[in-house]
PDB file of N, CA and C in Angstrom:
ATOM      1  N   MET A   1      50.519   8.093 -25.483  1.00  0.00           N
ATOM      2  CA  MET A   1      49.421   7.220 -25.533  1.00  0.00           C
ATOM      3  C   MET A   1      48.427   7.649 -26.678  1.00  0.00           C
ATOM      4  N   ARG A   2      48.268   9.009 -26.836  1.00  0.00           N
ATOM      5  CA  ARG A   2      47.338   9.457 -27.897  1.00  0.00           C
ATOM      6  C   ARG A   2      47.913   9.093 -29.256  1.00  0.00           C
ATOM      7  N   THR A   3      49.245   9.137 -29.421  1.00  0.00           N
ATOM      8  CA  THR A   3      49.792   8.730 -30.644  1.00  0.00           C
ATOM      9  C   THR A   3      49.486   7.288 -31.047  1.00  0.00           C
ATOM     10  N   LEU A   4      49.506   6.430 -30.152  1.00  0.00           N
ATOM     11  CA  LEU A   4      49.196   4.986 -30.438  1.00  0.00           C
ATOM     12  C   LEU A   4      47.757   4.851 -30.746  1.00  0.00           C
ATOM     13  N   LYS A   5      46.887   5.565 -30.060  1.00  0.00           N
ATOM     14  CA  LYS A   5      45.472   5.500 -30.395  1.00  0.00           C
ATOM     15  C   LYS A   5      45.121   6.026 -31.789  1.00  0.00           C
ATOM     16  N   ALA A   6      45.966   7.044 -32.209  1.00  0.00           N
ATOM     17  CA  ALA A   6      45.782   7.521 -33.524  1.00  0.00           C
ATOM     18  C   ALA A   6      46.428   6.669 -34.742  1.00  0.00           C
ATOM     19  N   LEU A   7      47.430   6.028 -34.288  1.00  0.00           N
ATOM     20  CA  LEU A   7      48.228   5.295 -35.278  1.00  0.00           C
ATOM     21  C   LEU A   7      47.490   4.013 -35.662  1.00  0.00           C
ATOM     22  N   GLY A   8      46.803   3.387 -34.818  1.00  0.00           N
ATOM     23  CA  GLY A   8      45.997   2.160 -35.098  1.00  0.00           C
ATOM     24  C   GLY A   8      45.008   2.263 -36.202  1.00  0.00           C
ATOM     25  N   PRO A   9      44.030   3.191 -36.089  1.00  0.00           N
ATOM     26  CA  PRO A   9      43.065   3.349 -37.143  1.00  0.00           C
ATOM     27  C   PRO A   9      43.631   3.874 -38.366  1.00  0.00           C
ATOM     28  N   ALA A  10      44.631   4.688 -38.386  1.00  0.00           N
ATOM     29  CA  ALA A  10      45.312   5.204 -39.523  1.00  0.00           C
ATOM     30  C   ALA A  10      45.947   4.035 -40.342  1.00  0.00           C
ATOM     31  N   LEU A  11      46.618   3.178 -39.597  1.00  0.00           N
ATOM     32  CA  LEU A  11      47.282   2.034 -40.310  1.00  0.00           C
ATOM     33  C   LEU A  11      46.239   1.105 -40.877  1.00  0.00           C
ATOM     34  N   VAL A  12      45.208   0.789 -40.122  1.00  0.00           N
ATOM     35  CA  VAL A  12      44.171  -0.153 -40.621  1.00  0.00           C
ATOM     36  C   VAL A  12      43.520   0.431 -41.885  1.00  0.00           C
ATOM     37  N   VAL A  13      43.080   1.697 -41.853  1.00  0.00           N
ATOM     38  CA  VAL A  13      42.401   2.242 -43.054  1.00  0.00           C
ATOM     39  C   VAL A  13      43.395   2.322 -44.217  1.00  0.00           C
ATOM     40  N   SER A  14      44.662   2.746 -44.022  1.00  0.00           N
ATOM     41  CA  SER A  14      45.537   2.857 -45.163  1.00  0.00           C
ATOM     42  C   SER A  14      45.894   1.467 -45.704  1.00  0.00           C
ATOM     43  N   ILE A  15      46.122   0.470 -44.945  1.00  0.00           N
ATOM     44  CA  ILE A  15      46.360  -0.872 -45.475  1.00  0.00           C
ATOM     45  C   ILE A  15      45.124  -1.424 -46.207  1.00  0.00           C
ATOM     46  N   ALA A  16      43.967  -1.208 -45.684  1.00  0.00           N
ATOM     47  CA  ALA A  16      42.769  -1.710 -46.348  1.00  0.00           C
ATOM     48  C   ALA A  16      42.511  -0.973 -47.680  1.00  0.00           C
ATOM     49  N   PHE A  17      42.767   0.364 -47.658  1.00  0.00           N
ATOM     50  CA  PHE A  17      42.567   1.164 -48.871  1.00  0.00           C
ATOM     51  C   PHE A  17      43.561   0.788 -49.957  1.00  0.00           C
ATOM     52  N   SER A  18      44.818   0.527 -49.471  1.00  0.00           N
ATOM     53  CA  SER A  18      45.844   0.170 -50.459  1.00  0.00           C
ATOM     54  C   SER A  18      45.528  -1.212 -51.074  1.00  0.00           C
ATOM     55  N   TRP A  19      45.075  -2.149 -50.282  1.00  0.00           N
ATOM     56  CA  TRP A  19      44.631  -3.460 -50.785  1.00  0.00           C
ATOM     57  C   TRP A  19      43.526  -3.398 -51.749  1.00  0.00           C
ATOM     58  N   TRP A  20      42.578  -2.510 -51.412  1.00  0.00           N
ATOM     59  CA  TRP A  20      41.375  -2.265 -52.323  1.00  0.00           C
ATOM     60  C   TRP A  20      41.799  -1.711 -53.611  1.00  0.00           C
ATOM     61  N   LEU A  21      42.707  -0.697 -53.626  1.00  0.00           N
ATOM     62  CA  LEU A  21      43.191  -0.082 -54.831  1.00  0.00           C
ATOM     63  C   LEU A  21      43.925  -1.103 -55.761  1.00  0.00           C
ATOM     64  N   VAL A  22      44.690  -1.938 -55.185  1.00  0.00           N
ATOM     65  CA  VAL A  22      45.482  -2.898 -55.925  1.00  0.00           C
ATOM     66  C   VAL A  22      44.664  -3.984 -56.408  1.00  0.00           C
ATOM     67  N   ASN A  23      43.843  -4.631 -55.621  1.00  0.00           N
ATOM     68  CA  ASN A  23      43.205  -5.846 -55.937  1.00  0.00           C
ATOM     69  C   ASN A  23      41.803  -5.530 -56.674  1.00  0.00           C
ATOM     70  N   MET A  24      41.150  -4.492 -56.328  1.00  0.00           N
ATOM     71  CA  MET A  24      39.850  -4.260 -56.943  1.00  0.00           C
ATOM     72  C   MET A  24      39.853  -3.404 -58.128  1.00  0.00           C
ATOM     73  N   LEU A  25      40.735  -2.344 -58.047  1.00  0.00           N
ATOM     74  CA  LEU A  25      40.840  -1.411 -59.164  1.00  0.00           C
ATOM     75  C   LEU A  25      42.008  -1.690 -60.075  1.00  0.00           C
ATOM     76  N   GLY A  26      42.909  -2.490 -59.725  1.00  0.00           N
ATOM     77  CA  GLY A  26      44.099  -2.841 -60.536  1.00  0.00           C
ATOM     78  C   GLY A  26      45.115  -1.686 -60.553  1.00  0.00           C
ATOM     79  N   ALA A  27      45.177  -0.822 -59.577  1.00  0.00           N
ATOM     80  CA  ALA A  27      46.104   0.260 -59.502  1.00  0.00           C
ATOM     81  C   ALA A  27      47.580  -0.346 -59.253  1.00  0.00           C
ATOM     82  N   GLY A  28      48.487   0.529 -59.645  1.00  0.00           N
ATOM     83  CA  GLY A  28      49.869   0.138 -59.380  1.00  0.00           C
ATOM     84  C   GLY A  28      50.171   0.317 -57.850  1.00  0.00           C
ATOM     85  N   TRP A  29      51.257  -0.411 -57.366  1.00  0.00           N
ATOM     86  CA  TRP A  29      51.601  -0.384 -56.047  1.00  0.00           C
ATOM     87  C   TRP A  29      52.009   0.940 -55.579  1.00  0.00           C
ATOM     88  N   VAL A  30      52.789   1.708 -56.465  1.00  0.00           N
ATOM     89  CA  VAL A  30      53.200   3.055 -56.046  1.00  0.00           C
ATOM     90  C   VAL A  30      52.073   3.940 -55.826  1.00  0.00           C
ATOM     91  N   PHE A  31      51.167   3.996 -56.681  1.00  0.00           N
ATOM     92  CA  PHE A  31      49.964   4.793 -56.547  1.00  0.00           C
ATOM     93  C   PHE A  31      49.179   4.446 -55.352  1.00  0.00           C
ATOM     94  N   ALA A  32      49.010   3.125 -55.125  1.00  0.00           N
ATOM     95  CA  ALA A  32      48.216   2.685 -53.983  1.00  0.00           C
ATOM     96  C   ALA A  32      48.836   3.022 -52.645  1.00  0.00           C
ATOM     97  N   ILE A  33      50.112   2.871 -52.576  1.00  0.00           N
ATOM     98  CA  ILE A  33      50.872   3.167 -51.306  1.00  0.00           C
ATOM     99  C   ILE A  33      50.816   4.683 -51.028  1.00  0.00           C
ATOM    100  N   GLY A  34      51.084   5.429 -52.121  1.00  0.00           N
ATOM    101  CA  GLY A  34      51.040   6.890 -51.950  1.00  0.00           C
ATOM    102  C   GLY A  34      49.741   7.449 -51.589  1.00  0.00           C
ATOM    103  N   SER A  35      48.673   7.051 -52.167  1.00  0.00           N
ATOM    104  CA  SER A  35      47.344   7.588 -51.868  1.00  0.00           C
ATOM    105  C   SER A  35      46.816   7.065 -50.561  1.00  0.00           C
ATOM    106  N   SER A  36      47.140   5.820 -50.161  1.00  0.00           N
ATOM    107  CA  SER A  36      46.666   5.328 -48.894  1.00  0.00           C
ATOM    108  C   SER A  36      47.479   5.938 -47.822  1.00  0.00           C
ATOM    109  N   SER A  37      48.783   6.305 -48.088  1.00  0.00           N
ATOM    110  CA  SER A  37      49.612   6.996 -47.090  1.00  0.00           C
ATOM    111  C   SER A  37      49.015   8.396 -46.718  1.00  0.00           C
ATOM    112  N   LEU A  38      48.515   9.127 -47.747  1.00  0.00           N
ATOM    113  CA  LEU A  38      47.911  10.362 -47.614  1.00  0.00           C
ATOM    114  C   LEU A  38      46.610  10.301 -46.738  1.00  0.00           C
ATOM    115  N   ILE A  39      45.803   9.330 -47.111  1.00  0.00           N
ATOM    116  CA  ILE A  39      44.624   9.100 -46.285  1.00  0.00           C
ATOM    117  C   ILE A  39      44.915   8.694 -44.883  1.00  0.00           C
ATOM    118  N   GLY A  40      45.897   7.824 -44.606  1.00  0.00           N
ATOM    119  CA  GLY A  40      46.242   7.446 -43.246  1.00  0.00           C
ATOM    120  C   GLY A  40      46.872   8.597 -42.529  1.00  0.00           C
ATOM    121  N   LEU A  41      47.630   9.485 -43.123  1.00  0.00           N
ATOM    122  CA  LEU A  41      48.228  10.577 -42.428  1.00  0.00           C
ATOM    123  C   LEU A  41      47.111  11.576 -42.093  1.00  0.00           C
ATOM    124  N   SER A  42      46.086  11.722 -42.858  1.00  0.00           N
ATOM    125  CA  SER A  42      44.966  12.678 -42.522  1.00  0.00           C
ATOM    126  C   SER A  42      44.166  12.112 -41.323  1.00  0.00           C
ATOM    127  N   ILE A  43      43.913  10.791 -41.436  1.00  0.00           N
ATOM    128  CA  ILE A  43      43.200  10.208 -40.264  1.00  0.00           C
ATOM    129  C   ILE A  43      43.984  10.361 -39.022  1.00  0.00           C
ATOM    130  N   PHE A  44      45.323  10.135 -39.114  1.00  0.00           N
ATOM    131  CA  PHE A  44      46.199  10.248 -37.894  1.00  0.00           C
ATOM    132  C   PHE A  44      46.063  11.711 -37.359  1.00  0.00           C
ATOM    133  N   ALA A  45      46.111  12.663 -38.288  1.00  0.00           N
ATOM    134  CA  ALA A  45      46.152  14.070 -37.827  1.00  0.00           C
ATOM    135  C   ALA A  45      44.803  14.479 -37.195  1.00  0.00           C
ATOM    136  N   VAL A  46      43.718  13.983 -37.733  1.00  0.00           N
ATOM    137  CA  VAL A  46      42.392  14.313 -37.171  1.00  0.00           C
ATOM    138  C   VAL A  46      42.238  13.648 -35.771  1.00  0.00           C
ATOM    139  N   ILE A  47      42.562  12.444 -35.659  1.00  0.00           N
ATOM    140  CA  ILE A  47      42.424  11.678 -34.279  1.00  0.00           C
ATOM    141  C   ILE A  47      43.380  12.271 -33.313  1.00  0.00           C
ATOM    142  N   ARG A  48      44.633  12.669 -33.782  1.00  0.00           N
ATOM    143  CA  ARG A  48      45.579  13.163 -32.816  1.00  0.00           C
ATOM    144  C   ARG A  48      45.293  14.524 -32.333  1.00  0.00           C
ATOM    145  N   SER A  49      44.464  15.288 -33.150  1.00  0.00           N
ATOM    146  CA  SER A  49      44.179  16.721 -32.775  1.00  0.00           C
ATOM    147  C   SER A  49      42.943  16.863 -31.907  1.00  0.00           C
ATOM    148  N   ARG A  50      42.221  15.678 -31.620  1.00  0.00           N
ATOM    149  CA  ARG A  50      41.086  15.855 -30.725  1.00  0.00           C
ATOM    150  C   ARG A  50      41.461  16.256 -29.367  1.00  0.00           C
ATOM    151  N   PRO A  51      40.641  17.076 -28.691  1.00  0.00           N
ATOM    152  CA  PRO A  51      40.952  17.437 -27.404  1.00  0.00           C
ATOM    153  C   PRO A  51      40.871  16.348 -26.383  1.00  0.00           C
ATOM    154  N   THR A  52      41.727  16.384 -25.391  1.00  0.00           N
ATOM    155  CA  THR A  52      41.729  15.319 -24.372  1.00  0.00           C
ATOM    156  C   THR A  52      41.105  15.854 -23.104  1.00  0.00           C
ATOM    157  N   GLN A  53      41.111  15.036 -22.070  1.00  0.00           N
ATOM    158  CA  GLN A  53      40.550  15.436 -20.778  1.00  0.00           C
ATOM    159  C   GLN A  53      41.344  16.585 -20.180  1.00  0.00           C
ATOM    160  N   GLY A  54      42.665  16.548 -20.377  1.00  0.00           N
ATOM    161  CA  GLY A  54      43.474  17.641 -19.884  1.00  0.00           C
ATOM    162  C   GLY A  54      43.165  18.956 -20.548  1.00  0.00           C
ATOM    163  N   ASP A  55      42.832  18.892 -21.849  1.00  0.00           N
ATOM    164  CA  ASP A  55      42.477  20.191 -22.497  1.00  0.00           C
ATOM    165  C   ASP A  55      41.130  20.736 -22.041  1.00  0.00           C
ATOM    166  N   TRP A  56      40.195  19.846 -21.642  1.00  0.00           N
ATOM    167  CA  TRP A  56      38.910  20.329 -21.089  1.00  0.00           C
ATOM    168  C   TRP A  56      39.139  20.867 -19.717  1.00  0.00           C
ATOM    169  N   LEU A  57      40.055  20.203 -18.911  1.00  0.00           N
ATOM    170  CA  LEU A  57      40.277  20.744 -17.571  1.00  0.00           C
ATOM    171  C   LEU A  57      40.974  22.113 -17.675  1.00  0.00           C
ATOM    172  N   ALA A  58      41.886  22.296 -18.582  1.00  0.00           N
ATOM    173  CA  ALA A  58      42.598  23.551 -18.737  1.00  0.00           C
ATOM    174  C   ALA A  58      41.617  24.612 -19.114  1.00  0.00           C
ATOM    175  N   ASP A  59      40.619  24.340 -19.959  1.00  0.00           N
ATOM    176  CA  ASP A  59      39.613  25.304 -20.343  1.00  0.00           C
ATOM    177  C   ASP A  59      38.679  25.696 -19.179  1.00  0.00           C
ATOM    178  N   GLU A  60      38.314  24.729 -18.362  1.00  0.00           N
ATOM    179  CA  GLU A  60      37.541  24.984 -17.221  1.00  0.00           C
ATOM    180  C   GLU A  60      38.355  25.812 -16.231  1.00  0.00           C
ATOM    181  N   ALA A  61      39.645  25.532 -16.056  1.00  0.00           N
ATOM    182  CA  ALA A  61      40.471  26.389 -15.186  1.00  0.00           C
ATOM    183  C   ALA A  61      40.541  27.811 -15.681  1.00  0.00           C
ATOM    184  N   TRP A  62      40.686  27.970 -17.013  1.00  0.00           N
ATOM    185  CA  TRP A  62      40.687  29.333 -17.565  1.00  0.00           C
ATOM    186  C   TRP A  62      39.365  30.042 -17.271  1.00  0.00           C
ATOM    187  N   ARG A  63      38.241  29.375 -17.442  1.00  0.00           N
ATOM    188  CA  ARG A  63      37.024  29.997 -17.254  1.00  0.00           C
ATOM    189  C   ARG A  63      36.824  30.434 -15.756  1.00  0.00           C
ATOM    190  N   ALA A  64      37.363  29.584 -14.838  1.00  0.00           N
ATOM    191  CA  ALA A  64      37.244  29.892 -13.400  1.00  0.00           C
ATOM    192  C   ALA A  64      38.135  31.020 -13.060  1.00  0.00           C
ATOM    193  N   ALA A  65      39.267  31.145 -13.626  1.00  0.00           N
ATOM    194  CA  ALA A  65      40.229  32.263 -13.327  1.00  0.00           C
ATOM    195  C   ALA A  65      39.826  33.523 -13.898  1.00  0.00           C
ATOM    196  N   ALA A  66      39.200  33.570 -15.083  1.00  0.00           N
ATOM    197  CA  ALA A  66      38.748  34.828 -15.662  1.00  0.00           C
ATOM    198  C   ALA A  66      37.295  34.731 -16.124  1.00  0.00           C
ATOM    199  N   PRO A  67      36.329  34.920 -15.157  1.00  0.00           N
ATOM    200  CA  PRO A  67      34.958  34.671 -15.539  1.00  0.00           C
ATOM    201  C   PRO A  67      34.433  35.854 -16.389  1.00  0.00           C
ATOM    202  N   ASP A  68      35.094  37.006 -16.418  1.00  0.00           N
ATOM    203  CA  ASP A  68      34.476  38.113 -17.193  1.00  0.00           C
ATOM    204  C   ASP A  68      34.909  38.074 -18.642  1.00  0.00           C
ATOM    205  N   LEU A  69      35.888  37.234 -19.031  1.00  0.00           N
ATOM    206  CA  LEU A  69      36.378  37.116 -20.345  1.00  0.00           C
ATOM    207  C   LEU A  69      35.716  35.974 -21.081  1.00  0.00           C
ATOM    208  N   PRO A  70      35.260  36.189 -22.310  1.00  0.00           N
ATOM    209  CA  PRO A  70      34.609  35.132 -23.014  1.00  0.00           C
ATOM    210  C   PRO A  70      35.733  34.208 -23.568  1.00  0.00           C
ATOM    211  N   PRO A  71      35.503  32.911 -23.709  1.00  0.00           N
ATOM    212  CA  PRO A  71      36.491  32.019 -24.248  1.00  0.00           C
ATOM    213  C   PRO A  71      36.661  32.264 -25.677  1.00  0.00           C
ATOM    214  N   VAL A  72      37.909  32.004 -26.273  1.00  0.00           N
ATOM    215  CA  VAL A  72      38.207  32.314 -27.604  1.00  0.00           C
ATOM    216  C   VAL A  72      37.392  31.399 -28.502  1.00  0.00           C
ATOM    217  N   SER A  73      37.051  30.209 -28.076  1.00  0.00           N
ATOM    218  CA  SER A  73      36.376  29.311 -28.902  1.00  0.00           C
ATOM    219  C   SER A  73      34.814  29.487 -28.916  1.00  0.00           C
ATOM    220  N   ASP A  74      34.340  30.490 -28.238  1.00  0.00           N
ATOM    221  CA  ASP A  74      32.885  30.712 -28.199  1.00  0.00           C
ATOM    222  C   ASP A  74      32.523  31.595 -29.327  1.00  0.00           C
ATOM    223  N   ARG A  75      32.241  31.055 -30.456  1.00  0.00           N
ATOM    224  CA  ARG A  75      31.947  31.747 -31.615  1.00  0.00           C
ATOM    225  C   ARG A  75      30.613  32.586 -31.560  1.00  0.00           C
ATOM    226  N   ARG A  76      29.628  31.938 -30.874  1.00  0.00           N
ATOM    227  CA  ARG A  76      28.279  32.534 -30.851  1.00  0.00           C
ATOM    228  C   ARG A  76      28.389  33.889 -30.160  1.00  0.00           C
ATOM    229  N   SER A  77      29.120  34.028 -29.066  1.00  0.00           N
ATOM    230  CA  SER A  77      29.230  35.343 -28.369  1.00  0.00           C
ATOM    231  C   SER A  77      30.090  36.309 -29.163  1.00  0.00           C
ATOM    232  N   LEU A  78      31.063  35.863 -29.937  1.00  0.00           N
ATOM    233  CA  LEU A  78      31.850  36.758 -30.768  1.00  0.00           C
ATOM    234  C   LEU A  78      30.975  37.272 -31.901  1.00  0.00           C
ATOM    235  N   GLU A  79      30.168  36.387 -32.472  1.00  0.00           N
ATOM    236  CA  GLU A  79      29.329  36.848 -33.662  1.00  0.00           C
ATOM    237  C   GLU A  79      28.254  37.834 -33.179  1.00  0.00           C
ATOM    238  N   GLN A  80      27.698  37.570 -31.953  1.00  0.00           N
ATOM    239  CA  GLN A  80      26.698  38.538 -31.393  1.00  0.00           C
ATOM    240  C   GLN A  80      27.295  39.822 -31.080  1.00  0.00           C
ATOM    241  N   ALA A  81      28.569  39.899 -30.672  1.00  0.00           N
ATOM    242  CA  ALA A  81      29.297  41.126 -30.383  1.00  0.00           C
ATOM    243  C   ALA A  81      29.507  41.901 -31.653  1.00  0.00           C
ATOM    244  N   GLN A  82      29.671  41.186 -32.784  1.00  0.00           N
ATOM    245  CA  GLN A  82      29.817  41.871 -34.026  1.00  0.00           C
ATOM    246  C   GLN A  82      28.611  42.495 -34.570  1.00  0.00           C
ATOM    247  N   GLU A  83      27.491  41.797 -34.239  1.00  0.00           N
ATOM    248  CA  GLU A  83      26.182  42.311 -34.683  1.00  0.00           C
ATOM    249  C   GLU A  83      25.863  43.620 -34.000  1.00  0.00           C
ATOM    250  N   ALA A  84      26.340  43.903 -32.894  1.00  0.00           N
ATOM    251  CA  ALA A  84      26.032  45.082 -32.148  1.00  0.00           C
ATOM    252  C   ALA A  84      26.803  46.340 -32.648  1.00  0.00           C
ATOM    253  N   ILE A  85      27.816  46.069 -33.469  1.00  0.00           N
ATOM    254  CA  ILE A  85      28.655  47.194 -33.998  1.00  0.00           C
ATOM    255  C   ILE A  85      27.882  47.846 -35.130  1.00  0.00           C
ATOM    256  N   PRO A  86      27.592  49.142 -35.085  1.00  0.00           N
ATOM    257  CA  PRO A  86      26.844  49.741 -36.164  1.00  0.00           C
ATOM    258  C   PRO A  86      27.698  49.963 -37.336  1.00  0.00           C
ATOM    259  N   GLY A  87      27.161  49.798 -38.539  1.00  0.00           N
ATOM    260  CA  GLY A  87      27.968  49.957 -39.714  1.00  0.00           C
ATOM    261  C   GLY A  87      27.326  51.012 -40.630  1.00  0.00           C
ATOM    262  N   PRO A  88      27.913  51.293 -41.756  1.00  0.00           N
ATOM    263  CA  PRO A  88      27.362  52.358 -42.608  1.00  0.00           C
ATOM    264  C   PRO A  88      26.084  51.941 -43.217  1.00  0.00           C
ATOM    265  N   GLU A  89      25.190  52.818 -43.347  1.00  0.00           N
ATOM    266  CA  GLU A  89      23.827  52.534 -43.871  1.00  0.00           C
ATOM    267  C   GLU A  89      23.885  52.809 -45.331  1.00  0.00           C
ATOM    268  N   LYS A  90      23.240  51.923 -46.135  1.00  0.00           N
ATOM    269  CA  LYS A  90      23.139  52.158 -47.570  1.00  0.00           C
ATOM    270  C   LYS A  90      22.043  53.053 -47.869  1.00  0.00           C
ATOM    271  N   LYS A  91      22.251  54.090 -48.670  1.00  0.00           N
ATOM    272  CA  LYS A  91      21.228  55.027 -49.082  1.00  0.00           C
ATOM    273  C   LYS A  91      20.459  54.427 -50.182  1.00  0.00           C
ATOM    274  N   ALA A  92      19.220  54.725 -50.237  1.00  0.00           N
ATOM    275  CA  ALA A  92      18.304  54.241 -51.259  1.00  0.00           C
ATOM    276  C   ALA A  92      18.655  54.932 -52.623  1.00  0.00           C
ATOM    277  N   GLY A  93      18.666  54.231 -53.641  1.00  0.00           N
ATOM    278  CA  GLY A  93      18.903  54.819 -55.011  1.00  0.00           C
ATOM    279  C   GLY A  93      20.376  55.044 -55.316  1.00  0.00           C
ATOM    280  N   THR A  94      21.309  54.519 -54.492  1.00  0.00           N
ATOM    281  CA  THR A  94      22.679  54.729 -54.909  1.00  0.00           C
ATOM    282  C   THR A  94      23.147  53.717 -55.873  1.00  0.00           C
ATOM    283  N   ARG A  95      24.071  54.077 -56.709  1.00  0.00           N
ATOM    284  CA  ARG A  95      24.546  53.169 -57.666  1.00  0.00           C
ATOM    285  C   ARG A  95      26.024  53.488 -57.944  1.00  0.00           C
ATOM    286  N   ALA A  96      26.731  52.570 -58.572  1.00  0.00           N
ATOM    287  CA  ALA A  96      28.166  52.806 -58.868  1.00  0.00           C
ATOM    288  C   ALA A  96      28.229  53.955 -59.974  1.00  0.00           C
ATOM    289  N   ARG A  97      29.247  54.770 -59.728  1.00  0.00           N
ATOM    290  CA  ARG A  97      29.396  55.894 -60.664  1.00  0.00           C
ATOM    291  C   ARG A  97      30.559  55.627 -61.571  1.00  0.00           C
ATOM    292  N   SER A  98      30.484  56.153 -62.801  1.00  0.00           N
ATOM    293  CA  SER A  98      31.598  55.998 -63.664  1.00  0.00           C
ATOM    294  C   SER A  98      32.568  57.186 -63.465  1.00  0.00           C
ATOM    295  N   ARG A  99      33.731  57.205 -64.058  1.00  0.00           N
ATOM    296  CA  ARG A  99      34.737  58.217 -63.905  1.00  0.00           C
ATOM    297  C   ARG A  99      34.235  59.561 -64.600  1.00  0.00           C
ATOM    298  N   ARG A 100      33.517  59.391 -65.639  1.00  0.00           N
ATOM    299  CA  ARG A 100      32.963  60.559 -66.261  1.00  0.00           C
ATOM    300  C   ARG A 100      31.977  61.315 -65.387  1.00  0.00           C
ATOM    301  N   ASP A 101      31.116  60.594 -64.651  1.00  0.00           N
ATOM    302  CA  ASP A 101      30.094  61.119 -63.740  1.00  0.00           C
ATOM    303  C   ASP A 101      30.892  61.837 -62.584  1.00  0.00           C
ATOM    304  N   GLU A 102      31.939  61.186 -62.090  1.00  0.00           N
ATOM    305  CA  GLU A 102      32.769  61.826 -61.019  1.00  0.00           C
ATOM    306  C   GLU A 102      33.384  63.123 -61.380  1.00  0.00           C
ATOM    307  N   ALA A 103      33.842  63.152 -62.671  1.00  0.00           N
ATOM    308  CA  ALA A 103      34.551  64.417 -63.212  1.00  0.00           C
ATOM    309  C   ALA A 103      33.568  65.535 -63.347  1.00  0.00           C
ATOM    310  N   THR A 104      32.307  65.263 -63.804  1.00  0.00           N
ATOM    311  CA  THR A 104      31.401  66.313 -64.043  1.00  0.00           C
ATOM    312  C   THR A 104      30.416  66.460 -62.828  1.00  0.00           C
ATOM    313  N   GLN A 105      30.761  65.908 -61.753  1.00  0.00           N
ATOM    314  CA  GLN A 105      29.788  65.971 -60.637  1.00  0.00           C
ATOM    315  C   GLN A 105      29.565  67.454 -60.140  1.00  0.00           C
ATOM    316  N   GLY A 106      30.613  68.273 -60.057  1.00  0.00           N
ATOM    317  CA  GLY A 106      30.396  69.598 -59.576  1.00  0.00           C
ATOM    318  C   GLY A 106      29.988  70.639 -60.647  1.00  0.00           C
ATOM    319  N   VAL A 107      29.974  70.167 -61.878  1.00  0.00           N
ATOM    320  CA  VAL A 107      29.704  71.017 -62.985  1.00  0.00           C
ATOM    321  C   VAL A 107      28.115  71.178 -63.303  1.00  0.00           C
ATOM    322  N   VAL A 108      27.524  72.300 -63.236  1.00  0.00           N
ATOM    323  CA  VAL A 108      26.157  72.463 -63.486  1.00  0.00           C
ATOM    324  C   VAL A 108      25.883  72.706 -64.964  1.00  0.00           C
ATOM    325  N   GLN A 109      25.098  72.011 -65.680  1.00  0.00           N
ATOM    326  CA  GLN A 109      24.825  72.220 -67.088  1.00  0.00           C
ATOM    327  C   GLN A 109      23.540  72.961 -67.325  1.00  0.00           C
TER     328      GLN A 109
END
């Protein structure tokens, strides 16, 4: 059923775009059919990949079964967890060193 719901808008948009390319812009039929097919396929993929009611129910079942685990799709909690990880501190006055500086670093002049 989801496939039919996605196929309708994809066909309508691709046929309309193909007609527009040929009649308004004077494009060739090969170019018009090829480009409108790509647009129709992308619309089909976007509509087909939307979550359904079953996907939402499965997510709720997962949250009920494992309440202590954050959901994978919860980006906010994952980003906050990364903020808590301490990283290296940058020292004031540091700069990139050349190979010559590294070679003479231990030599006192």
